Protein backbone atom coordinates (compact mmCIF):
# COMPACT_ATOMS: atom_id res chain seq x y z
CA UNK A 1 98.69 105.36 113.41
CA UNK A 2 100.93 105.50 110.32
CA UNK A 3 98.16 104.51 107.89
CA UNK A 4 96.39 107.73 107.13
CA UNK A 5 92.95 106.10 106.98
CA UNK A 6 91.30 103.28 108.89
CA UNK A 7 89.13 102.41 105.91
CA UNK A 8 89.91 100.10 103.00
CA UNK A 9 87.51 100.09 100.06
CA UNK A 10 87.90 97.26 97.54
CA UNK A 11 85.90 95.42 94.91
CA UNK A 12 86.28 91.76 94.09
CA UNK A 13 87.84 90.99 90.71
CA UNK A 14 87.91 87.19 90.99
CA UNK A 15 88.38 84.48 93.62
CA UNK A 16 91.76 85.85 94.67
CA UNK A 17 92.26 89.44 93.51
CA UNK A 18 90.75 92.72 94.72
CA UNK A 19 90.88 96.24 93.30
CA UNK A 20 91.29 99.33 95.51
CA UNK A 21 88.44 101.81 95.22
CA UNK A 22 90.28 104.41 97.32
CA UNK A 23 94.00 105.04 97.81
CA UNK A 24 95.77 103.61 100.85
CA UNK A 25 98.45 105.88 102.32
CA UNK A 26 101.15 104.97 104.82
CA UNK A 27 103.45 107.44 106.55
CA UNK A 28 106.91 105.88 106.76
CA UNK A 29 109.99 107.19 108.55
CA UNK A 30 110.96 109.55 105.77
CA UNK A 31 108.18 109.52 103.19
CA UNK A 32 104.52 108.84 102.58
CA UNK A 33 103.68 105.85 100.39
CA UNK A 34 100.35 105.94 98.57
CA UNK A 35 98.89 102.84 96.96
CA UNK A 36 96.71 104.24 94.16
CA UNK A 37 93.06 103.65 93.44
CA UNK A 38 92.71 100.79 90.96
CA UNK A 39 95.70 98.84 92.28
CA UNK A 40 95.08 95.08 92.30
CA UNK A 41 96.02 93.00 95.36
CA UNK A 42 95.49 89.51 96.72
CA UNK A 43 95.93 90.81 100.30
CA UNK A 44 98.37 88.44 102.06
CA UNK A 45 99.85 86.02 99.51
CA UNK A 46 99.62 82.83 101.56
CA UNK A 47 99.84 79.30 100.12
CA UNK A 48 96.52 77.52 100.61
CA UNK A 49 97.92 74.89 102.95
CA UNK A 50 99.11 77.61 105.36
CA UNK A 51 95.93 79.69 105.59
CA UNK A 52 95.08 77.89 108.85
CA UNK A 53 97.93 79.89 110.39
CA UNK A 54 97.86 83.09 108.34
CA UNK A 55 94.56 83.79 106.57
CA UNK A 56 94.79 85.99 103.49
CA UNK A 57 92.89 88.76 105.32
CA UNK A 58 93.33 90.00 108.86
CA UNK A 59 94.71 92.75 111.07
CA UNK A 60 97.68 92.95 108.64
CA UNK A 61 95.61 93.57 105.47
CA UNK A 62 96.65 97.22 105.00
CA UNK A 63 100.30 96.22 105.45
CA UNK A 64 99.86 93.43 102.87
CA UNK A 65 98.33 95.85 100.34
CA UNK A 66 101.20 98.29 100.90
CA UNK A 67 103.71 95.44 100.54
CA UNK A 68 102.15 94.28 97.25
CA UNK A 69 102.47 97.86 95.94
CA UNK A 70 106.09 98.21 97.06
CA UNK A 71 106.95 94.87 95.44
CA UNK A 72 105.37 96.09 92.21
CA UNK A 73 107.68 99.11 92.43
CA UNK A 74 110.61 96.75 93.14
CA UNK A 75 109.72 94.70 90.05
CA UNK A 76 110.03 97.91 88.02
CA UNK A 77 113.41 98.69 89.67
CA UNK A 78 112.01 101.68 91.58
CA UNK A 79 112.26 100.28 95.12
CA UNK A 80 114.42 97.85 97.06
CA UNK A 81 112.63 94.57 97.88
CA UNK A 82 114.38 94.20 101.27
CA UNK A 83 113.23 97.71 102.21
CA UNK A 84 109.67 96.80 101.15
CA UNK A 85 109.83 93.75 103.43
CA UNK A 86 111.13 95.86 106.33
CA UNK A 87 108.33 98.39 105.87
CA UNK A 88 105.87 95.49 105.80
CA UNK A 89 107.12 94.27 109.18
CA UNK A 90 107.09 97.77 110.67
CA UNK A 91 103.57 98.45 109.36
CA UNK A 92 102.35 95.17 110.89
CA UNK A 93 103.88 96.17 114.24
CA UNK A 94 102.07 99.50 114.05
CA UNK A 95 98.83 97.65 113.25
CA UNK A 96 99.32 95.60 116.46
CA UNK A 97 99.94 92.30 114.67
CA UNK A 98 101.27 89.79 117.22
CA UNK A 99 105.07 89.46 117.39
CA UNK A 100 105.44 85.86 116.15
CA UNK A 101 102.91 86.22 113.35
CA UNK A 102 104.51 89.38 111.97
CA UNK A 103 108.03 87.94 112.14
CA UNK A 104 106.92 84.71 110.44
CA UNK A 105 105.17 86.72 107.73
CA UNK A 106 108.26 88.92 107.33
CA UNK A 107 110.51 85.85 107.05
CA UNK A 108 108.19 84.37 104.41
CA UNK A 109 108.26 87.51 102.25
CA UNK A 110 112.03 87.87 102.71
CA UNK A 111 112.55 84.31 101.50
CA UNK A 112 110.19 84.94 98.58
CA UNK A 113 112.16 88.09 97.79
CA UNK A 114 115.44 86.19 97.87
CA UNK A 115 113.94 83.56 95.57
CA UNK A 116 112.79 86.28 93.18
CA UNK A 117 115.81 88.58 93.32
CA UNK A 118 118.70 86.19 93.95
CA UNK A 119 120.81 84.95 96.85
CA UNK A 120 122.89 88.11 97.01
CA UNK A 121 119.87 89.91 98.47
CA UNK A 122 120.21 87.77 101.60
CA UNK A 123 123.20 89.69 102.95
CA UNK A 124 122.60 93.08 101.31
CA UNK A 125 120.54 94.43 104.27
CA UNK A 126 123.34 93.38 106.64
CA UNK A 127 124.29 90.55 108.98
CA UNK A 128 121.64 91.50 111.57
CA UNK A 129 118.83 91.01 109.06
CA UNK A 130 120.31 87.71 107.89
CA UNK A 131 120.65 86.49 111.49
CA UNK A 132 117.05 87.54 112.22
CA UNK A 133 115.85 85.74 109.11
CA UNK A 134 117.62 82.52 110.09
CA UNK A 135 116.46 82.82 113.72
CA UNK A 136 112.83 83.14 112.62
CA UNK A 137 112.82 80.82 109.61
CA UNK A 138 114.25 77.65 111.16
CA UNK A 139 111.89 77.38 114.16
CA UNK A 140 109.04 78.73 112.02
CA UNK A 141 109.61 76.01 109.43
CA UNK A 142 109.58 73.34 112.12
CA UNK A 143 106.43 74.85 113.64
CA UNK A 144 104.43 74.72 110.40
CA UNK A 145 105.92 71.54 108.94
CA UNK A 146 103.71 68.91 110.58
CA UNK A 147 100.40 70.82 110.56
CA UNK A 148 101.13 72.08 107.04
CA UNK A 149 101.69 68.53 105.79
CA UNK A 150 98.47 67.36 107.48
CA UNK A 151 96.49 70.20 105.89
CA UNK A 152 98.10 69.57 102.50
CA UNK A 153 97.22 65.86 102.71
CA UNK A 154 93.64 66.72 103.74
CA UNK A 155 93.34 69.15 100.80
CA UNK A 156 94.53 66.42 98.44
CA UNK A 157 92.03 63.89 99.85
CA UNK A 158 89.27 66.49 99.49
CA UNK A 159 90.38 67.12 95.89
CA UNK A 160 90.11 63.39 95.17
CA UNK A 161 86.61 63.31 96.71
CA UNK A 162 85.62 66.34 94.61
CA UNK A 163 87.03 64.64 91.49
CA UNK A 164 85.01 61.47 92.12
CA UNK A 165 81.85 63.51 92.72
CA UNK A 166 82.56 65.53 89.56
CA UNK A 167 82.91 62.38 87.44
CA UNK A 168 79.70 60.87 88.83
CA UNK A 169 77.77 64.11 88.26
CA UNK A 170 79.25 64.61 84.79
CA UNK A 171 78.27 61.10 83.72
CA UNK A 172 74.82 61.54 85.26
CA UNK A 173 74.26 64.88 83.51
CA UNK A 174 74.74 63.23 80.12
CA UNK A 175 71.78 60.95 80.83
CA UNK A 176 69.35 63.79 81.52
CA UNK A 177 66.02 63.33 79.75
CA UNK A 178 65.65 65.44 76.65
CA UNK A 179 63.89 68.71 77.10
CA UNK A 180 65.09 69.21 80.67
CA UNK A 181 67.84 71.74 81.33
CA UNK A 182 71.17 70.18 82.25
CA UNK A 183 72.79 71.51 85.42
CA UNK A 184 76.33 72.77 85.09
CA UNK A 185 78.92 70.53 86.75
CA UNK A 186 81.93 72.50 87.96
CA UNK A 187 85.29 70.74 87.80
CA UNK A 188 87.41 70.59 90.97
CA UNK A 189 90.66 72.47 91.27
CA UNK A 190 93.74 71.90 93.38
CA UNK A 191 95.42 75.29 93.72
CA UNK A 192 98.19 76.45 96.03
CA UNK A 193 96.34 79.68 96.64
CA UNK A 194 92.84 79.94 98.15
CA UNK A 195 89.98 79.73 95.68
């Protein structure tokens, strides 16, 4: 197995982010990549309305942590984003992530990389990579479109229900008899990432 340890030790920072308590090392084709202790990750960066298909944590978690680290290096100009995405896909294969899931996840990070780095990065890795991206993205988009819209609509309806409950509870908490502690009423949130 190319990851040099089966163990991942993290501590929760907030609802989304985690800090590594131990380094995570991956043996690539030509070099060993080590994600250092203290690195902050969100595991797989999946929009909330797609977590029914790809949860933020799973068999691919080590690959997602490695990918977050490589993208941080790419942001600093020390690594190529397309190479980071390719290593992500290879690491998922080595972690026995199912074929369709790993290719959909790879296509998603490639498209995010193109959005972040510019359209010219689409053809930089070569025509084969571009053809693979198109071949995965188009059917993948159609596959998640309907269920994704249903989940997004359901999340919005739930947000409205939470907002109504919040308003009722907030109004009711103002009428609490004096001398009694008032319970905290948490406002709802409608985020694209899991809370």
